[in-house]
Amino acid sequence: EDKDEPVVFREADFYVSEKEGHTIKWIVPNAQKHAMEPILLELPPGGKSFEMSPSAGEEFAYVLEGTVTLCCDDKTHVVRKGETFYMSCNTFHHLENKRKQPARVLWV
């Protein structure tokens, strides 16, 4: 492990990707080389995240603001502000904001 690798990141270090239906902030630069890749996902009313394909990993998310619907194949789960989800990544899945307020999710 490189001892000079930074451990604290500020908003200026984040990479932001704005797409129709969602905004992703990669809050740890170059995180894909690590075991975890935390993002801050922002969904406007009616917004939808990218579709995640099945994989061998696991995911955790904490809803910071609003309410989202976790869609896993043919099942859905409503997750509100202050609630979390933790799941195996063995299904196609994504998040939707079916409400009239924006939603923000810390997704790892």
Protein backbone atom coordinates (compact mmCIF):
# COMPACT_ATOMS: atom_id res chain seq x y z
CA GLU A 1 0.00 0.00 0.00
CA ASP A 2 1.28 3.44 -0.94
CA LYS A 3 1.80 5.47 2.27
CA ASP A 4 1.42 8.73 0.32
CA GLU A 5 -2.07 7.85 -0.82
CA PRO A 6 -4.60 10.40 0.51
CA VAL A 7 -7.15 9.34 3.11
CA VAL A 8 -9.24 12.52 3.33
CA PHE A 9 -11.18 13.84 0.35
CA ARG A 10 -12.98 17.13 -0.09
CA GLU A 11 -15.78 18.12 -2.43
CA ALA A 12 -13.21 19.55 -4.88
CA ASP A 13 -11.79 15.99 -5.21
CA PHE A 14 -15.15 14.44 -6.17
CA TYR A 15 -15.91 13.41 -9.75
CA VAL A 16 -19.44 14.36 -10.81
CA SER A 17 -21.44 12.75 -13.62
CA GLU A 18 -24.76 14.35 -14.50
CA LYS A 19 -27.13 12.28 -16.62
CA GLU A 20 -30.79 12.54 -17.42
CA GLY A 21 -32.57 11.11 -14.39
CA HIS A 22 -29.67 11.18 -11.91
CA THR A 23 -26.42 12.75 -10.75
CA ILE A 24 -23.57 10.66 -9.38
CA LYS A 25 -20.79 12.03 -7.20
CA TRP A 26 -17.86 9.64 -6.79
CA ILE A 27 -16.83 10.77 -3.31
CA VAL A 28 -13.61 8.74 -3.14
CA PRO A 29 -11.40 9.36 -6.19
CA ASN A 30 -10.22 6.21 -7.99
CA ALA A 31 -12.29 4.05 -5.61
CA GLN A 32 -12.76 1.34 -8.25
CA LYS A 33 -9.30 0.03 -7.30
CA HIS A 34 -10.52 -0.60 -3.74
CA ALA A 35 -13.00 -3.10 -2.28
CA MET A 36 -15.66 -0.37 -1.86
CA GLU A 37 -16.80 2.32 -4.29
CA PRO A 38 -18.99 4.83 -2.42
CA ILE A 39 -21.11 7.26 -4.42
CA LEU A 40 -23.59 9.98 -3.60
CA LEU A 41 -26.60 9.48 -5.88
CA GLU A 42 -29.02 12.34 -6.43
CA LEU A 43 -32.38 11.56 -8.02
CA PRO A 44 -34.77 14.35 -9.01
CA PRO A 45 -38.52 13.68 -8.87
CA GLY A 46 -39.22 10.93 -11.40
CA GLY A 47 -35.49 10.15 -11.69
CA LYS A 48 -33.96 6.71 -12.11
CA SER A 49 -30.45 5.41 -11.48
CA PHE A 50 -28.39 3.32 -13.86
CA GLU A 51 -29.20 -0.41 -14.06
CA MET A 52 -26.76 -2.57 -12.10
CA SER A 53 -26.06 -6.04 -13.51
CA PRO A 54 -25.75 -9.13 -11.32
CA SER A 55 -22.30 -9.54 -9.77
CA ALA A 56 -20.57 -11.32 -6.91
CA GLY A 57 -20.52 -8.23 -4.70
CA GLU A 58 -22.73 -6.72 -2.02
CA GLU A 59 -24.27 -3.26 -1.74
CA PHE A 60 -25.28 -0.96 1.07
CA ALA A 61 -27.13 2.34 0.84
CA TYR A 62 -28.38 4.96 3.28
CA VAL A 63 -31.12 7.38 2.19
CA LEU A 64 -30.03 10.87 3.23
CA GLU A 65 -33.01 12.73 1.78
CA GLY A 66 -36.36 11.78 0.26
CA THR A 67 -37.68 8.33 -0.58
CA VAL A 68 -36.49 5.86 -3.22
CA THR A 69 -37.79 2.60 -4.61
CA LEU A 70 -35.25 -0.21 -4.86
CA CYS A 71 -36.17 -2.35 -7.88
CA CYS A 72 -34.65 -5.87 -7.92
CA ASP A 73 -35.82 -7.94 -10.89
CA ASP A 74 -39.58 -8.23 -10.20
CA LYS A 75 -39.51 -7.05 -6.55
CA THR A 76 -39.63 -3.48 -5.23
CA HIS A 77 -38.82 -2.03 -1.81
CA VAL A 78 -39.56 1.50 -0.61
CA VAL A 79 -36.63 3.02 1.32
CA ARG A 80 -37.22 6.32 3.16
CA LYS A 81 -34.97 9.00 4.62
CA GLY A 82 -32.94 7.53 7.48
CA GLU A 83 -33.42 3.95 6.27
CA THR A 84 -30.89 1.62 4.66
CA PHE A 85 -30.69 -1.37 2.40
CA TYR A 86 -28.07 -4.10 2.25
CA MET A 87 -28.16 -6.76 -0.42
CA SER A 88 -26.29 -9.29 -2.48
CA CYS A 89 -25.79 -8.08 -6.06
CA ASN A 90 -27.13 -11.27 -7.63
CA THR A 91 -30.00 -9.54 -9.52
CA PHE A 92 -30.46 -6.68 -11.96
CA HIS A 93 -31.34 -3.67 -9.80
CA HIS A 94 -31.72 0.11 -9.78
CA LEU A 95 -33.25 2.94 -7.75
CA GLU A 96 -36.19 5.16 -8.72
CA ASN A 97 -37.57 8.34 -7.20
CA LYS A 98 -41.34 8.13 -7.63
CA ARG A 99 -41.98 11.11 -5.34
CA LYS A 100 -42.25 14.86 -5.96
CA GLN A 101 -39.20 15.68 -3.79
CA PRO A 102 -35.54 15.05 -4.69
CA ALA A 103 -33.76 12.09 -3.14
CA ARG A 104 -30.10 11.68 -2.08
CA VAL A 105 -28.56 8.29 -1.35
CA LEU A 106 -25.13 7.29 -0.08
CA TRP A 107 -24.56 4.05 -2.03
CA VAL A 108 -21.59 1.71 -1.44
